Amino acid sequence: MFMTIITPLFLSDIAGSEILLIMVFVLIFFGSKSIPSIAKSLGRAMKEVKHASAEVQSEIRKSGIDIKKDLNLKEIIKDAEEEISQPLDQVMTDVENAVNYNPEKQTSEKLDHSQTSKKENHG
């Protein structure tokens, strides 16, 4: 049970006997009285690292939100959409006019126009 708890803390290529050897060296070099204070210091250091990492992540998220506000993406997208849609609307109108083109109607309109202009000139 003890080895299964410690093994995930280290890389998977460290065997149980190596962990035991490391523990013996720590006990010899630091003594049994200083090990709890060392463990406590390591725990505090790990807690501070986690806290600092959370703060950095929070700052990155906040700066991302600020950048989005500064860029005003919705307005940029709306302007680009208008710039693109105006020429497309014109092309669509031209295509509809070309599809609905009726030469007889335009010829009769030209004739009517020319006849009214002749009447105005004679009258």
C-alpha atoms as a PDB file:
ATOM      1  CA  MET A   1       0.000   0.000   0.000  1.00  0.00           C
ATOM      2  CA  PHE A   2       2.812   2.399   0.913  1.00  0.00           C
ATOM      3  CA  MET A   3       4.621   1.919  -2.409  1.00  0.00           C
ATOM      4  CA  THR A   4       1.456   2.442  -4.497  1.00  0.00           C
ATOM      5  CA  ILE A   5       0.968   5.854  -2.927  1.00  0.00           C
ATOM      6  CA  ILE A   6       4.558   7.006  -3.484  1.00  0.00           C
ATOM      7  CA  THR A   7       5.048   5.537  -6.978  1.00  0.00           C
ATOM      8  CA  PRO A   8       2.673   7.981  -8.746  1.00  0.00           C
ATOM      9  CA  LEU A   9       4.648  10.871  -7.268  1.00  0.00           C
ATOM     10  CA  PHE A  10       7.767   9.839  -9.172  1.00  0.00           C
ATOM     11  CA  LEU A  11       8.352   8.883 -12.749  1.00  0.00           C
ATOM     12  CA  SER A  12       7.156   5.434 -13.689  1.00  0.00           C
ATOM     13  CA  ASP A  13      10.708   4.190 -14.363  1.00  0.00           C
ATOM     14  CA  ILE A  14      11.757   4.432 -10.683  1.00  0.00           C
ATOM     15  CA  ALA A  15      11.360   1.077  -8.960  1.00  0.00           C
ATOM     16  CA  GLY A  16      10.268   0.500  -5.369  1.00  0.00           C
ATOM     17  CA  SER A  17      13.760  -0.526  -4.279  1.00  0.00           C
ATOM     18  CA  GLU A  18      15.173   2.758  -5.622  1.00  0.00           C
ATOM     19  CA  ILE A  19      12.594   4.736  -3.646  1.00  0.00           C
ATOM     20  CA  LEU A  20      13.537   2.800  -0.528  1.00  0.00           C
ATOM     21  CA  LEU A  21      17.225   3.549  -1.143  1.00  0.00           C
ATOM     22  CA  ILE A  22      16.470   7.272  -1.561  1.00  0.00           C
ATOM     23  CA  MET A  23      14.520   7.265   1.717  1.00  0.00           C
ATOM     24  CA  VAL A  24      17.444   5.643   3.534  1.00  0.00           C
ATOM     25  CA  PHE A  25      19.881   8.289   2.201  1.00  0.00           C
ATOM     26  CA  VAL A  26      17.536  11.098   3.248  1.00  0.00           C
ATOM     27  CA  LEU A  27      17.270   9.575   6.714  1.00  0.00           C
ATOM     28  CA  ILE A  28      21.048   9.265   7.017  1.00  0.00           C
ATOM     29  CA  PHE A  29      21.867  12.767   5.724  1.00  0.00           C
ATOM     30  CA  PHE A  30      19.142  14.759   7.449  1.00  0.00           C
ATOM     31  CA  GLY A  31      18.325  12.685  10.480  1.00  0.00           C
ATOM     32  CA  SER A  32      14.910  11.681  11.761  1.00  0.00           C
ATOM     33  CA  LYS A  33      14.292  14.989  13.554  1.00  0.00           C
ATOM     34  CA  SER A  34      14.672  17.268  10.500  1.00  0.00           C
ATOM     35  CA  ILE A  35      12.649  15.144   8.033  1.00  0.00           C
ATOM     36  CA  PRO A  36       9.230  16.455   9.231  1.00  0.00           C
ATOM     37  CA  SER A  37      10.364  20.075   8.881  1.00  0.00           C
ATOM     38  CA  ILE A  38      11.760  19.345   5.409  1.00  0.00           C
ATOM     39  CA  ALA A  39       8.493  17.694   4.383  1.00  0.00           C
ATOM     40  CA  LYS A  40       6.572  20.649   5.784  1.00  0.00           C
ATOM     41  CA  SER A  41       8.750  23.093   3.826  1.00  0.00           C
ATOM     42  CA  LEU A  42       8.298  21.066   0.641  1.00  0.00           C
ATOM     43  CA  GLY A  43       4.541  21.041   1.199  1.00  0.00           C
ATOM     44  CA  ARG A  44       4.454  24.812   1.622  1.00  0.00           C
ATOM     45  CA  ALA A  45       6.601  25.300  -1.476  1.00  0.00           C
ATOM     46  CA  MET A  46       4.294  23.085  -3.532  1.00  0.00           C
ATOM     47  CA  LYS A  47       1.267  24.984  -2.242  1.00  0.00           C
ATOM     48  CA  GLU A  48       2.864  28.331  -3.193  1.00  0.00           C
ATOM     49  CA  VAL A  49       3.718  27.043  -6.665  1.00  0.00           C
ATOM     50  CA  LYS A  50       0.123  25.902  -7.205  1.00  0.00           C
ATOM     51  CA  HIS A  51      -1.188  29.242  -5.945  1.00  0.00           C
ATOM     52  CA  ALA A  52       1.177  31.207  -8.186  1.00  0.00           C
ATOM     53  CA  SER A  53       0.220  29.030 -11.150  1.00  0.00           C
ATOM     54  CA  ALA A  54      -3.484  29.674 -10.494  1.00  0.00           C
ATOM     55  CA  GLU A  55      -2.813  33.426 -10.327  1.00  0.00           C
ATOM     56  CA  VAL A  56      -0.940  33.370 -13.639  1.00  0.00           C
ATOM     57  CA  GLN A  57      -3.775  31.436 -15.290  1.00  0.00           C
ATOM     58  CA  SER A  58      -6.283  33.936 -13.901  1.00  0.00           C
ATOM     59  CA  GLU A  59      -4.280  36.883 -15.240  1.00  0.00           C
ATOM     60  CA  ILE A  60      -4.030  35.256 -18.664  1.00  0.00           C
ATOM     61  CA  ARG A  61      -7.813  34.765 -18.750  1.00  0.00           C
ATOM     62  CA  LYS A  62      -8.415  38.380 -17.700  1.00  0.00           C
ATOM     63  CA  SER A  63      -6.014  39.726 -20.312  1.00  0.00           C
ATOM     64  CA  GLY A  64      -7.740  37.618 -22.946  1.00  0.00           C
ATOM     65  CA  ILE A  65     -11.072  39.184 -22.036  1.00  0.00           C
ATOM     66  CA  ASP A  66      -9.507  42.657 -22.118  1.00  0.00           C
ATOM     67  CA  ILE A  67      -8.021  41.995 -25.550  1.00  0.00           C
ATOM     68  CA  LYS A  68     -11.433  40.906 -26.838  1.00  0.00           C
ATOM     69  CA  LYS A  69     -12.965  44.115 -25.516  1.00  0.00           C
ATOM     70  CA  ASP A  70     -10.200  46.221 -27.042  1.00  0.00           C
ATOM     71  CA  LEU A  71     -10.538  44.587 -30.427  1.00  0.00           C
ATOM     72  CA  ASN A  72     -14.324  44.989 -30.487  1.00  0.00           C
ATOM     73  CA  LEU A  73     -14.676  41.956 -32.724  1.00  0.00           C
ATOM     74  CA  LYS A  74     -18.433  42.277 -33.145  1.00  0.00           C
ATOM     75  CA  GLU A  75     -18.081  45.719 -34.718  1.00  0.00           C
ATOM     76  CA  ILE A  76     -15.258  44.557 -36.989  1.00  0.00           C
ATOM     77  CA  ILE A  77     -17.298  41.570 -38.142  1.00  0.00           C
ATOM     78  CA  LYS A  78     -20.349  43.749 -38.747  1.00  0.00           C
ATOM     79  CA  ASP A  79     -18.311  46.219 -40.859  1.00  0.00           C
ATOM     80  CA  ALA A  80     -16.739  43.412 -42.872  1.00  0.00           C
ATOM     81  CA  GLU A  81     -20.150  41.856 -43.438  1.00  0.00           C
ATOM     82  CA  GLU A  82     -21.522  45.147 -44.773  1.00  0.00           C
ATOM     83  CA  GLU A  83     -18.494  45.626 -47.046  1.00  0.00           C
ATOM     84  CA  ILE A  84     -18.958  42.161 -48.479  1.00  0.00           C
ATOM     85  CA  SER A  85     -22.744  42.195 -48.730  1.00  0.00           C
ATOM     86  CA  GLN A  86     -23.044  45.460 -50.708  1.00  0.00           C
ATOM     87  CA  PRO A  87     -21.201  44.210 -53.826  1.00  0.00           C
ATOM     88  CA  LEU A  88     -22.931  40.853 -53.520  1.00  0.00           C
ATOM     89  CA  ASP A  89     -26.331  42.545 -53.395  1.00  0.00           C
ATOM     90  CA  GLN A  90     -25.432  44.494 -56.533  1.00  0.00           C
ATOM     91  CA  VAL A  91     -24.336  41.302 -58.300  1.00  0.00           C
ATOM     92  CA  MET A  92     -27.553  39.599 -57.197  1.00  0.00           C
ATOM     93  CA  THR A  93     -29.620  42.478 -58.602  1.00  0.00           C
ATOM     94  CA  ASP A  94     -27.701  42.308 -61.892  1.00  0.00           C
ATOM     95  CA  VAL A  95     -28.232  38.559 -62.100  1.00  0.00           C
ATOM     96  CA  GLU A  96     -31.964  38.915 -61.398  1.00  0.00           C
ATOM     97  CA  ASN A  97     -32.216  41.608 -64.086  1.00  0.00           C
ATOM     98  CA  ALA A  98     -30.375  39.363 -66.531  1.00  0.00           C
ATOM     99  CA  VAL A  99     -32.599  36.377 -65.734  1.00  0.00           C
ATOM    100  CA  ASN A 100     -35.785  38.422 -65.986  1.00  0.00           C
ATOM    101  CA  TYR A 101     -34.673  40.261 -69.144  1.00  0.00           C
ATOM    102  CA  ASN A 102     -37.557  40.718 -71.571  1.00  0.00           C
ATOM    103  CA  PRO A 103     -36.412  42.284 -74.887  1.00  0.00           C
ATOM    104  CA  GLU A 104     -40.000  42.631 -76.222  1.00  0.00           C
ATOM    105  CA  LYS A 105     -41.038  44.720 -73.247  1.00  0.00           C
ATOM    106  CA  GLN A 106     -38.020  47.018 -73.641  1.00  0.00           C
ATOM    107  CA  THR A 107     -38.619  47.287 -77.401  1.00  0.00           C
ATOM    108  CA  SER A 108     -42.243  48.282 -76.851  1.00  0.00           C
ATOM    109  CA  GLU A 109     -41.168  50.782 -74.178  1.00  0.00           C
ATOM    110  CA  LYS A 110     -38.654  52.303 -76.610  1.00  0.00           C
ATOM    111  CA  LEU A 111     -41.320  52.503 -79.298  1.00  0.00           C
ATOM    112  CA  ASP A 112     -43.781  54.141 -76.909  1.00  0.00           C
ATOM    113  CA  HIS A 113     -41.100  56.595 -75.813  1.00  0.00           C
ATOM    114  CA  SER A 114     -40.120  57.436 -79.372  1.00  0.00           C
ATOM    115  CA  GLN A 115     -43.771  57.879 -80.399  1.00  0.00           C
ATOM    116  CA  THR A 116     -44.467  60.228 -77.480  1.00  0.00           C
ATOM    117  CA  SER A 117     -41.348  62.233 -78.289  1.00  0.00           C
ATOM    118  CA  LYS A 118     -42.454  62.495 -81.962  1.00  0.00           C
ATOM    119  CA  LYS A 119     -45.907  63.685 -80.873  1.00  0.00           C
ATOM    120  CA  GLU A 120     -44.305  66.280 -78.624  1.00  0.00           C
ATOM    121  CA  ASN A 121     -42.106  67.473 -81.447  1.00  0.00           C
ATOM    122  CA  HIS A 122     -45.108  67.790 -83.854  1.00  0.00           C
ATOM    123  CA  GLY A 123     -47.429  69.335 -81.378  1.00  0.00           C
END
